[in-house]
């Protein structure tokens, strides 16, 4: 299993508390199970939401997932999708650690929650 972790901030550096992240199949057609630990504890035990992790007060989040290539979707606290990253390699053979969200082009569209997000996400 692969341990993915990251921190969400807007372009002003504000930590994004209560945002959600989930892992989808590469095509984005279905949600992939994610876990709270390497023992396969469902993430819902920690987050209260099935296959969805929620950022803490520092904007940080992490989850465990079976090795593969996925789409990661970021959602507002209200559940509106604001960012999709396709082709994310989550595999122990990829060097470990996390893939910084800042490595993906584009920004968070603040229209969904009224916030002013005009640039990228810092990882």
N, C-alpha and C. Protein backbone atom coordinates (compact mmCIF):
# COMPACT_ATOMS: atom_id res chain seq x y z
N UNK A 1 0.84 -1.18 0.00
CA UNK A 1 0.00 0.00 0.00
C UNK A 1 0.88 1.24 0.00
N UNK A 2 0.33 2.30 -0.52
CA UNK A 2 1.05 3.57 -0.64
C UNK A 2 0.47 4.59 0.33
N UNK A 3 1.34 5.33 1.01
CA UNK A 3 0.91 6.38 1.93
C UNK A 3 1.02 7.73 1.23
N UNK A 4 -0.11 8.35 0.95
CA UNK A 4 -0.15 9.67 0.30
C UNK A 4 -0.44 10.72 1.37
N UNK A 5 0.30 11.82 1.33
CA UNK A 5 0.06 12.92 2.27
C UNK A 5 0.35 14.23 1.58
N UNK A 6 -0.35 15.27 2.01
CA UNK A 6 -0.17 16.59 1.43
C UNK A 6 -0.81 17.63 2.33
N UNK A 7 -0.61 18.90 1.99
CA UNK A 7 -1.22 20.02 2.69
C UNK A 7 -1.85 20.93 1.65
N UNK A 8 -3.05 21.39 1.91
CA UNK A 8 -3.74 22.29 1.00
C UNK A 8 -3.66 23.72 1.51
N UNK A 9 -3.22 24.63 0.64
CA UNK A 9 -3.25 26.06 0.93
C UNK A 9 -3.75 26.76 -0.32
N UNK A 10 -4.25 27.97 -0.13
CA UNK A 10 -4.56 28.77 -1.32
C UNK A 10 -3.31 29.56 -1.70
N UNK A 11 -3.38 30.37 -2.73
CA UNK A 11 -2.20 31.08 -3.20
C UNK A 11 -1.72 32.16 -2.23
N UNK A 12 -2.55 32.54 -1.27
CA UNK A 12 -2.13 33.49 -0.24
C UNK A 12 -1.41 32.79 0.91
N UNK A 13 -1.40 31.45 0.88
CA UNK A 13 -0.75 30.69 1.93
C UNK A 13 -1.68 30.29 3.07
N UNK A 14 -2.96 30.63 2.97
CA UNK A 14 -3.93 30.24 3.99
C UNK A 14 -4.15 28.73 3.94
N UNK A 15 -4.10 28.09 5.08
CA UNK A 15 -4.36 26.64 5.16
C UNK A 15 -5.85 26.40 4.94
N UNK A 16 -6.17 25.38 4.17
CA UNK A 16 -7.56 25.08 3.82
C UNK A 16 -8.09 23.98 4.73
N UNK A 17 -8.77 24.38 5.79
CA UNK A 17 -9.33 23.47 6.79
C UNK A 17 -10.68 22.93 6.33
N UNK A 18 -10.91 21.65 6.54
CA UNK A 18 -12.20 21.05 6.25
C UNK A 18 -12.43 20.68 4.80
N UNK A 19 -11.41 20.87 3.96
CA UNK A 19 -11.53 20.44 2.56
C UNK A 19 -11.46 18.93 2.51
N UNK A 20 -11.93 18.37 1.43
CA UNK A 20 -11.98 16.92 1.30
C UNK A 20 -11.14 16.47 0.11
N UNK A 21 -10.62 15.28 0.21
CA UNK A 21 -9.89 14.68 -0.91
C UNK A 21 -10.33 13.24 -1.04
N UNK A 22 -10.40 12.80 -2.27
CA UNK A 22 -10.71 11.40 -2.50
C UNK A 22 -9.94 10.92 -3.72
N UNK A 23 -9.78 9.63 -3.78
CA UNK A 23 -9.03 8.99 -4.83
C UNK A 23 -10.04 8.32 -5.77
N UNK A 24 -9.86 8.56 -7.07
CA UNK A 24 -10.74 7.97 -8.08
C UNK A 24 -9.92 7.09 -9.00
N UNK A 25 -10.61 6.24 -9.76
CA UNK A 25 -9.91 5.49 -10.80
C UNK A 25 -9.26 6.49 -11.75
N UNK A 26 -8.29 6.04 -12.53
CA UNK A 26 -7.60 6.93 -13.45
C UNK A 26 -8.57 7.66 -14.36
N UNK A 27 -9.62 6.98 -14.82
CA UNK A 27 -10.62 7.61 -15.69
C UNK A 27 -11.51 8.58 -14.93
N UNK A 28 -11.48 8.53 -13.60
CA UNK A 28 -12.33 9.39 -12.79
C UNK A 28 -13.76 8.89 -12.67
N UNK A 29 -14.00 7.66 -13.14
CA UNK A 29 -15.37 7.15 -13.20
C UNK A 29 -15.90 6.59 -11.88
N UNK A 30 -15.01 6.22 -10.96
CA UNK A 30 -15.50 5.70 -9.69
C UNK A 30 -14.50 5.95 -8.56
N UNK A 31 -15.03 6.02 -7.34
CA UNK A 31 -14.23 6.27 -6.15
C UNK A 31 -13.50 4.99 -5.76
N UNK A 32 -12.25 5.15 -5.34
CA UNK A 32 -11.41 4.03 -4.93
C UNK A 32 -11.37 4.00 -3.40
N UNK A 33 -11.40 2.83 -2.79
CA UNK A 33 -11.29 2.77 -1.34
C UNK A 33 -9.94 3.31 -0.86
N UNK A 34 -9.98 4.16 0.16
CA UNK A 34 -8.76 4.64 0.81
C UNK A 34 -8.85 4.28 2.28
N UNK A 35 -7.69 4.25 2.92
CA UNK A 35 -7.61 3.73 4.28
C UNK A 35 -6.89 4.70 5.21
N UNK A 36 -7.17 4.56 6.51
CA UNK A 36 -6.57 5.42 7.53
C UNK A 36 -5.17 4.98 7.90
N UNK A 37 -4.84 3.72 7.62
CA UNK A 37 -3.52 3.20 7.98
C UNK A 37 -3.16 2.04 7.05
N UNK A 38 -1.95 1.56 7.19
CA UNK A 38 -1.48 0.48 6.32
C UNK A 38 -2.13 -0.87 6.65
N UNK A 39 -2.89 -0.93 7.73
CA UNK A 39 -3.59 -2.16 8.10
C UNK A 39 -4.96 -2.27 7.44
N UNK A 40 -5.34 -1.27 6.65
CA UNK A 40 -6.61 -1.31 5.94
C UNK A 40 -7.81 -0.81 6.72
N UNK A 41 -7.58 -0.01 7.76
CA UNK A 41 -8.70 0.59 8.50
C UNK A 41 -9.41 1.58 7.59
N UNK A 42 -10.71 1.42 7.38
CA UNK A 42 -11.42 2.35 6.49
C UNK A 42 -11.24 3.80 6.94
N UNK A 43 -11.03 4.70 6.00
CA UNK A 43 -10.82 6.12 6.31
C UNK A 43 -12.03 6.72 7.03
N UNK A 44 -13.20 6.16 6.81
CA UNK A 44 -14.42 6.67 7.46
C UNK A 44 -14.33 6.59 8.98
N UNK A 45 -13.51 5.68 9.51
CA UNK A 45 -13.32 5.58 10.96
C UNK A 45 -12.73 6.89 11.49
N UNK A 46 -11.88 7.54 10.70
CA UNK A 46 -11.23 8.79 11.10
C UNK A 46 -12.02 10.00 10.63
N UNK A 47 -12.45 10.00 9.37
CA UNK A 47 -13.07 11.20 8.78
C UNK A 47 -14.59 11.25 8.92
N UNK A 48 -15.20 10.10 9.12
CA UNK A 48 -16.66 10.05 9.17
C UNK A 48 -17.30 10.04 7.79
N UNK A 49 -16.49 10.00 6.75
CA UNK A 49 -17.00 10.00 5.38
C UNK A 49 -16.36 8.84 4.62
N UNK A 50 -17.17 8.07 3.94
CA UNK A 50 -16.66 6.90 3.21
C UNK A 50 -15.69 7.31 2.11
N UNK A 51 -14.51 6.72 2.12
CA UNK A 51 -13.49 6.91 1.09
C UNK A 51 -13.17 8.38 0.82
N UNK A 52 -13.27 9.20 1.85
CA UNK A 52 -12.96 10.63 1.75
C UNK A 52 -12.18 11.05 2.98
N UNK A 53 -11.08 11.77 2.76
CA UNK A 53 -10.29 12.29 3.86
C UNK A 53 -10.57 13.79 3.98
N UNK A 54 -10.50 14.33 5.19
CA UNK A 54 -10.80 15.75 5.43
C UNK A 54 -9.56 16.42 6.01
N UNK A 55 -9.22 17.60 5.45
CA UNK A 55 -8.03 18.30 5.93
C UNK A 55 -8.21 18.77 7.37
N UNK A 56 -7.11 18.74 8.13
CA UNK A 56 -7.15 19.20 9.52
C UNK A 56 -6.94 20.71 9.59
N UNK A 57 -6.78 21.23 10.80
CA UNK A 57 -6.65 22.69 10.98
C UNK A 57 -5.42 23.27 10.31
N UNK A 58 -4.43 22.44 9.98
CA UNK A 58 -3.24 22.92 9.27
C UNK A 58 -3.36 22.72 7.76
N UNK A 59 -4.48 22.19 7.30
CA UNK A 59 -4.67 21.91 5.87
C UNK A 59 -4.10 20.59 5.44
N UNK A 60 -3.56 19.81 6.39
CA UNK A 60 -2.92 18.54 6.07
C UNK A 60 -3.93 17.41 5.95
N UNK A 61 -3.58 16.43 5.12
CA UNK A 61 -4.37 15.21 5.03
C UNK A 61 -3.46 14.07 4.58
N UNK A 62 -3.87 12.85 4.88
CA UNK A 62 -3.14 11.69 4.39
C UNK A 62 -4.09 10.50 4.31
N UNK A 63 -3.70 9.55 3.48
CA UNK A 63 -4.45 8.31 3.37
C UNK A 63 -3.55 7.23 2.79
N UNK A 64 -3.99 6.01 2.92
CA UNK A 64 -3.32 4.84 2.34
C UNK A 64 -4.19 4.31 1.23
N UNK A 65 -3.56 3.82 0.15
CA UNK A 65 -4.30 3.29 -0.99
C UNK A 65 -3.46 2.19 -1.63
N UNK A 66 -4.13 1.25 -2.28
CA UNK A 66 -3.40 0.22 -3.03
C UNK A 66 -2.57 0.91 -4.12
N UNK A 67 -1.38 0.40 -4.40
CA UNK A 67 -0.52 0.96 -5.45
C UNK A 67 -1.28 1.06 -6.76
N UNK A 68 -1.10 2.16 -7.47
CA UNK A 68 -1.74 2.33 -8.76
C UNK A 68 -1.58 3.74 -9.29
N UNK A 69 -2.24 4.01 -10.39
CA UNK A 69 -2.27 5.34 -11.00
C UNK A 69 -3.71 5.82 -10.89
N UNK A 70 -3.90 7.00 -10.29
CA UNK A 70 -5.23 7.45 -9.93
C UNK A 70 -5.50 8.89 -10.37
N UNK A 71 -6.73 9.29 -10.15
CA UNK A 71 -7.15 10.68 -10.21
C UNK A 71 -7.45 11.08 -8.77
N UNK A 72 -6.93 12.23 -8.34
CA UNK A 72 -7.23 12.74 -7.00
C UNK A 72 -8.13 13.95 -7.17
N UNK A 73 -9.20 13.96 -6.42
CA UNK A 73 -10.18 15.05 -6.51
C UNK A 73 -10.22 15.78 -5.17
N UNK A 74 -10.14 17.11 -5.24
CA UNK A 74 -10.24 17.97 -4.06
C UNK A 74 -11.61 18.63 -4.08
N UNK A 75 -12.27 18.61 -2.91
CA UNK A 75 -13.61 19.19 -2.79
C UNK A 75 -13.64 20.21 -1.65
N UNK A 76 -14.52 21.17 -1.76
CA UNK A 76 -14.71 22.15 -0.69
C UNK A 76 -15.32 21.45 0.52
N UNK A 77 -15.37 22.12 1.67
CA UNK A 77 -16.04 21.52 2.83
C UNK A 77 -17.50 21.16 2.53
N UNK A 78 -18.13 21.89 1.62
CA UNK A 78 -19.51 21.60 1.24
C UNK A 78 -19.65 20.49 0.21
N UNK A 79 -18.53 20.00 -0.33
CA UNK A 79 -18.57 18.88 -1.25
C UNK A 79 -18.51 19.23 -2.73
N UNK A 80 -18.27 20.49 -3.08
CA UNK A 80 -18.15 20.87 -4.49
C UNK A 80 -16.72 20.63 -4.97
N UNK A 81 -16.58 19.96 -6.09
CA UNK A 81 -15.26 19.69 -6.64
C UNK A 81 -14.60 20.98 -7.10
N UNK A 82 -13.34 21.19 -6.69
CA UNK A 82 -12.61 22.39 -7.09
C UNK A 82 -11.29 22.08 -7.77
N UNK A 83 -10.88 20.83 -7.76
CA UNK A 83 -9.59 20.48 -8.34
C UNK A 83 -9.55 18.98 -8.65
N UNK A 84 -9.08 18.64 -9.83
CA UNK A 84 -8.92 17.24 -10.21
C UNK A 84 -7.53 17.07 -10.80
N UNK A 85 -6.79 16.09 -10.29
CA UNK A 85 -5.44 15.81 -10.78
C UNK A 85 -5.44 14.39 -11.32
N UNK A 86 -5.21 14.23 -12.61
CA UNK A 86 -5.24 12.91 -13.24
C UNK A 86 -3.83 12.35 -13.43
N UNK A 87 -3.74 11.04 -13.43
CA UNK A 87 -2.46 10.38 -13.69
C UNK A 87 -1.48 10.45 -12.54
N UNK A 88 -1.98 10.50 -11.31
CA UNK A 88 -1.12 10.57 -10.14
C UNK A 88 -0.64 9.16 -9.81
N UNK A 89 0.67 8.96 -9.84
CA UNK A 89 1.25 7.64 -9.55
C UNK A 89 1.40 7.51 -8.04
N UNK A 90 0.67 6.58 -7.48
CA UNK A 90 0.76 6.30 -6.05
C UNK A 90 1.24 4.86 -5.92
N UNK A 91 2.55 4.73 -5.86
CA UNK A 91 3.17 3.41 -5.86
C UNK A 91 4.47 3.46 -5.09
N UNK A 92 4.73 2.43 -4.32
CA UNK A 92 5.97 2.37 -3.54
C UNK A 92 7.19 2.49 -4.45
N UNK A 93 7.10 2.07 -5.69
CA UNK A 93 8.20 2.16 -6.63
C UNK A 93 8.40 3.54 -7.20
N UNK A 94 7.52 4.49 -6.87
CA UNK A 94 7.62 5.84 -7.43
C UNK A 94 8.50 6.76 -6.59
N UNK A 95 9.14 6.24 -5.57
CA UNK A 95 10.05 7.05 -4.78
C UNK A 95 9.52 7.41 -3.41
N UNK A 96 8.28 7.04 -3.08
CA UNK A 96 7.73 7.29 -1.76
C UNK A 96 7.35 8.75 -1.57
N UNK A 97 6.86 9.06 -0.40
CA UNK A 97 6.45 10.42 -0.08
C UNK A 97 5.17 10.80 -0.79
N UNK A 98 5.02 12.08 -1.07
CA UNK A 98 3.80 12.52 -1.73
C UNK A 98 4.14 13.30 -2.98
N UNK A 99 3.15 13.45 -3.83
CA UNK A 99 3.27 14.26 -5.02
C UNK A 99 2.71 15.63 -4.69
N UNK A 100 3.53 16.68 -4.61
CA UNK A 100 3.01 18.00 -4.22
C UNK A 100 1.92 18.46 -5.18
N UNK A 101 0.85 18.99 -4.62
CA UNK A 101 -0.24 19.48 -5.45
C UNK A 101 0.22 20.65 -6.30
N UNK A 102 1.28 21.33 -5.90
CA UNK A 102 1.77 22.45 -6.68
C UNK A 102 2.39 21.99 -8.00
N UNK A 103 2.60 20.67 -8.15
CA UNK A 103 3.18 20.18 -9.40
C UNK A 103 2.14 20.06 -10.50
N UNK A 104 0.91 20.34 -10.19
CA UNK A 104 -0.17 20.29 -11.18
C UNK A 104 -0.55 21.71 -11.57
N UNK A 105 -0.75 21.93 -12.87
CA UNK A 105 -1.09 23.27 -13.35
C UNK A 105 -2.51 23.65 -12.97
N UNK A 106 -2.74 24.94 -12.86
CA UNK A 106 -4.09 25.43 -12.60
C UNK A 106 -4.29 25.76 -11.14
N UNK A 107 -5.46 26.24 -10.81
CA UNK A 107 -5.73 26.64 -9.45
C UNK A 107 -7.06 26.13 -8.97
N UNK A 108 -7.37 26.46 -7.73
CA UNK A 108 -8.68 26.13 -7.19
C UNK A 108 -9.65 27.19 -7.64
N UNK A 109 -10.76 26.77 -8.17
CA UNK A 109 -11.81 27.69 -8.60
C UNK A 109 -12.64 28.04 -7.38
N UNK A 110 -12.52 29.27 -6.93
CA UNK A 110 -13.21 29.69 -5.72
C UNK A 110 -14.69 29.93 -5.89
N UNK A 111 -15.20 29.84 -7.10
CA UNK A 111 -16.61 30.12 -7.32
C UNK A 111 -17.52 29.21 -6.50
N UNK A 112 -17.06 28.00 -6.25
CA UNK A 112 -17.91 27.05 -5.54
C UNK A 112 -18.17 27.45 -4.10
N UNK A 113 -17.23 28.13 -3.45
CA UNK A 113 -17.43 28.49 -2.05
C UNK A 113 -17.25 29.98 -1.77
N UNK A 114 -17.14 30.79 -2.81
CA UNK A 114 -17.05 32.23 -2.64
C UNK A 114 -15.69 32.74 -2.24
N UNK A 115 -14.71 31.86 -2.09
CA UNK A 115 -13.37 32.29 -1.70
C UNK A 115 -12.61 32.82 -2.91
N UNK A 116 -11.54 33.50 -2.65
CA UNK A 116 -10.75 34.11 -3.72
C UNK A 116 -9.52 33.27 -4.00
N UNK A 117 -9.66 32.23 -4.80
CA UNK A 117 -8.54 31.39 -5.17
C UNK A 117 -8.22 31.67 -6.64
N UNK A 118 -7.08 32.26 -6.89
CA UNK A 118 -6.77 32.63 -8.26
C UNK A 118 -5.56 31.90 -8.82
N UNK A 119 -4.87 31.14 -8.02
CA UNK A 119 -3.68 30.46 -8.51
C UNK A 119 -3.67 29.01 -8.15
N UNK A 120 -2.48 28.44 -8.03
CA UNK A 120 -2.35 27.02 -7.75
C UNK A 120 -2.43 26.71 -6.28
N UNK A 121 -2.36 25.42 -6.00
CA UNK A 121 -2.32 24.95 -4.63
C UNK A 121 -0.88 24.68 -4.28
N UNK A 122 -0.45 25.11 -3.11
CA UNK A 122 0.91 24.81 -2.67
C UNK A 122 0.90 23.48 -1.95
N UNK A 123 1.83 22.60 -2.31
CA UNK A 123 1.90 21.28 -1.68
C UNK A 123 2.82 21.28 -0.50
